[in-house]
């Protein structure tokens, strides 16, 4: 049971760490690749993770939404 709990905790940590990437993917953000790169490379810093999350949550400009 301890191994299973450890596995669940590790999976949960990675899901939380990659949350900005997941949000960008779900919202079909036009800068998804850049957000993923920022998240992976600078997400270990709190500022990098928050920056990627905010960027993923920012509304897309109207022109980008029309072209999508």
N, C-alpha and C. Protein backbone atom coordinates (compact mmCIF):
# COMPACT_ATOMS: atom_id res chain seq x y z
N UNK A 1 0.82 -1.20 0.00
CA UNK A 1 0.00 0.00 0.00
C UNK A 1 0.87 1.26 0.00
N UNK A 2 2.03 1.19 0.68
CA UNK A 2 2.90 2.36 0.72
C UNK A 2 3.48 2.68 -0.64
N UNK A 3 3.76 1.66 -1.44
CA UNK A 3 4.29 1.87 -2.78
C UNK A 3 3.23 2.54 -3.65
N UNK A 4 2.00 2.09 -3.54
CA UNK A 4 0.91 2.68 -4.31
C UNK A 4 0.70 4.14 -3.93
N UNK A 5 0.71 4.43 -2.64
CA UNK A 5 0.54 5.80 -2.19
C UNK A 5 1.69 6.68 -2.69
N UNK A 6 2.89 6.17 -2.65
CA UNK A 6 4.04 6.91 -3.17
C UNK A 6 3.90 7.18 -4.65
N UNK A 7 3.42 6.19 -5.38
CA UNK A 7 3.20 6.35 -6.82
C UNK A 7 2.14 7.42 -7.09
N UNK A 8 1.06 7.41 -6.34
CA UNK A 8 0.00 8.41 -6.50
C UNK A 8 0.52 9.81 -6.19
N UNK A 9 1.33 9.93 -5.15
CA UNK A 9 1.89 11.23 -4.78
C UNK A 9 2.81 11.75 -5.89
N UNK A 10 3.64 10.88 -6.44
CA UNK A 10 4.55 11.29 -7.52
C UNK A 10 3.78 11.72 -8.76
N UNK A 11 2.76 10.95 -9.13
CA UNK A 11 1.92 11.31 -10.30
C UNK A 11 1.22 12.64 -10.03
N UNK A 12 0.71 12.83 -8.82
CA UNK A 12 0.05 14.09 -8.47
C UNK A 12 1.00 15.27 -8.53
N UNK A 13 2.24 15.06 -8.08
CA UNK A 13 3.23 16.13 -8.15
C UNK A 13 3.51 16.53 -9.60
N UNK A 14 3.70 15.55 -10.48
CA UNK A 14 3.96 15.86 -11.88
C UNK A 14 2.75 16.52 -12.55
N UNK A 15 1.55 16.11 -12.17
CA UNK A 15 0.36 16.75 -12.73
C UNK A 15 0.28 18.21 -12.29
N UNK A 16 0.60 18.47 -11.03
CA UNK A 16 0.60 19.85 -10.53
C UNK A 16 1.71 20.66 -11.19
N UNK A 17 2.88 20.06 -11.33
CA UNK A 17 4.01 20.74 -11.95
C UNK A 17 3.70 21.12 -13.40
N UNK A 18 3.02 20.23 -14.11
CA UNK A 18 2.70 20.47 -15.52
C UNK A 18 1.34 21.13 -15.72
N UNK A 19 0.72 21.61 -14.66
CA UNK A 19 -0.60 22.25 -14.76
C UNK A 19 -0.64 23.37 -15.80
N UNK A 20 0.34 24.28 -15.85
CA UNK A 20 0.29 25.32 -16.90
C UNK A 20 0.27 24.73 -18.32
N UNK A 21 1.03 23.68 -18.54
CA UNK A 21 1.04 23.04 -19.86
C UNK A 21 -0.30 22.39 -20.16
N UNK A 22 -0.90 21.78 -19.16
CA UNK A 22 -2.20 21.14 -19.34
C UNK A 22 -3.27 22.18 -19.65
N UNK A 23 -3.23 23.31 -18.93
CA UNK A 23 -4.21 24.39 -19.17
C UNK A 23 -4.04 24.95 -20.57
N UNK A 24 -2.79 25.19 -20.99
CA UNK A 24 -2.55 25.72 -22.34
C UNK A 24 -3.06 24.76 -23.40
N UNK A 25 -2.86 23.47 -23.17
CA UNK A 25 -3.31 22.45 -24.14
C UNK A 25 -4.84 22.43 -24.22
N UNK A 26 -5.50 22.44 -23.06
CA UNK A 26 -6.97 22.39 -23.04
C UNK A 26 -7.59 23.64 -23.66
N UNK A 27 -6.95 24.80 -23.47
CA UNK A 27 -7.49 26.04 -24.01
C UNK A 27 -7.05 26.29 -25.45
N UNK A 28 -6.24 25.38 -26.01
CA UNK A 28 -5.72 25.53 -27.38
C UNK A 28 -5.04 26.89 -27.56
N UNK A 29 -4.17 27.20 -26.61
CA UNK A 29 -3.46 28.48 -26.62
C UNK A 29 -2.51 28.53 -27.83
N UNK A 30 -2.47 29.67 -28.53
CA UNK A 30 -1.60 29.75 -29.71
C UNK A 30 -0.11 29.64 -29.37
N UNK A 31 0.27 29.94 -28.15
CA UNK A 31 1.67 29.85 -27.73
C UNK A 31 1.90 28.63 -26.84
N UNK A 32 1.20 27.56 -27.10
CA UNK A 32 1.28 26.36 -26.26
C UNK A 32 2.70 25.83 -26.14
N UNK A 33 3.42 25.77 -27.25
CA UNK A 33 4.78 25.23 -27.23
C UNK A 33 5.69 26.07 -26.34
N UNK A 34 5.60 27.38 -26.44
CA UNK A 34 6.42 28.26 -25.61
C UNK A 34 6.06 28.12 -24.13
N UNK A 35 4.79 27.95 -23.84
CA UNK A 35 4.35 27.77 -22.45
C UNK A 35 4.90 26.46 -21.90
N UNK A 36 4.86 25.40 -22.70
CA UNK A 36 5.39 24.11 -22.26
C UNK A 36 6.89 24.22 -22.00
N UNK A 37 7.62 24.89 -22.89
CA UNK A 37 9.06 25.05 -22.70
C UNK A 37 9.35 25.84 -21.44
N UNK A 38 8.64 26.94 -21.23
CA UNK A 38 8.82 27.72 -20.00
C UNK A 38 8.50 26.89 -18.78
N UNK A 39 7.42 26.14 -18.84
CA UNK A 39 7.01 25.31 -17.71
C UNK A 39 8.06 24.25 -17.38
N UNK A 40 8.58 23.59 -18.39
CA UNK A 40 9.55 22.51 -18.16
C UNK A 40 10.89 23.06 -17.69
N UNK A 41 11.36 24.15 -18.32
CA UNK A 41 12.69 24.66 -18.01
C UNK A 41 12.73 25.56 -16.78
N UNK A 42 11.70 26.37 -16.55
CA UNK A 42 11.73 27.31 -15.42
C UNK A 42 10.63 27.04 -14.41
N UNK A 43 9.87 25.97 -14.61
CA UNK A 43 8.77 25.68 -13.69
C UNK A 43 9.23 25.29 -12.31
N UNK A 44 10.48 24.86 -12.16
CA UNK A 44 10.98 24.47 -10.84
C UNK A 44 11.11 25.69 -9.93
N UNK A 45 11.21 26.90 -10.52
CA UNK A 45 11.16 28.11 -9.71
C UNK A 45 9.69 28.50 -9.59
N UNK A 46 9.33 29.00 -8.46
CA UNK A 46 7.92 29.38 -8.26
C UNK A 46 7.51 30.45 -9.25
N UNK A 47 8.40 31.40 -9.52
CA UNK A 47 8.09 32.50 -10.45
C UNK A 47 7.88 31.97 -11.86
N UNK A 48 8.71 31.04 -12.30
CA UNK A 48 8.55 30.45 -13.63
C UNK A 48 7.25 29.69 -13.76
N UNK A 49 6.88 28.94 -12.71
CA UNK A 49 5.64 28.17 -12.74
C UNK A 49 4.42 29.09 -12.77
N UNK A 50 4.43 30.12 -11.93
CA UNK A 50 3.31 31.06 -11.90
C UNK A 50 3.23 31.82 -13.22
N UNK A 51 4.38 32.22 -13.75
CA UNK A 51 4.40 32.92 -15.04
C UNK A 51 3.80 32.07 -16.15
N UNK A 52 4.15 30.80 -16.19
CA UNK A 52 3.60 29.91 -17.22
C UNK A 52 2.09 29.72 -17.02
N UNK A 53 1.66 29.60 -15.77
CA UNK A 53 0.24 29.42 -15.49
C UNK A 53 -0.57 30.66 -15.88
N UNK A 54 -0.06 31.83 -15.54
CA UNK A 54 -0.75 33.08 -15.91
C UNK A 54 -0.81 33.22 -17.41
N UNK A 55 0.29 32.93 -18.09
CA UNK A 55 0.34 33.02 -19.55
C UNK A 55 -0.66 32.05 -20.19
N UNK A 56 -0.78 30.87 -19.62
CA UNK A 56 -1.71 29.88 -20.16
C UNK A 56 -3.16 30.30 -19.94
N UNK A 57 -3.41 31.07 -18.89
CA UNK A 57 -4.79 31.47 -18.56
C UNK A 57 -5.22 32.78 -19.20
N UNK A 58 -4.27 33.54 -19.76
CA UNK A 58 -4.60 34.82 -20.36
C UNK A 58 -5.47 34.60 -21.57
N UNK A 59 -6.49 35.43 -21.71
CA UNK A 59 -7.38 35.32 -22.86
C UNK A 59 -6.63 35.65 -24.14
N UNK A 60 -6.98 34.94 -25.18
CA UNK A 60 -6.36 35.15 -26.49
C UNK A 60 -6.95 36.39 -27.13
N UNK A 61 -6.16 37.12 -27.89
CA UNK A 61 -6.71 38.27 -28.62
C UNK A 61 -7.79 37.82 -29.60
N UNK A 62 -8.67 38.71 -29.94
CA UNK A 62 -9.78 38.38 -30.82
C UNK A 62 -9.30 37.87 -32.18
N UNK A 63 -8.23 38.46 -32.72
CA UNK A 63 -7.73 38.04 -34.03
C UNK A 63 -7.23 36.60 -33.98
N UNK A 64 -6.56 36.22 -32.90
CA UNK A 64 -6.07 34.86 -32.78
C UNK A 64 -7.22 33.87 -32.65
N UNK A 65 -8.27 34.27 -31.97
CA UNK A 65 -9.42 33.40 -31.79
C UNK A 65 -10.16 33.18 -33.11
N UNK A 66 -10.19 34.20 -33.97
CA UNK A 66 -10.87 34.06 -35.25
C UNK A 66 -10.09 33.14 -36.18
N UNK A 67 -8.76 33.22 -36.16
CA UNK A 67 -7.93 32.41 -37.03
C UNK A 67 -7.84 30.96 -36.58
N UNK A 68 -8.19 30.69 -35.34
CA UNK A 68 -8.07 29.31 -34.81
C UNK A 68 -9.15 28.47 -35.30
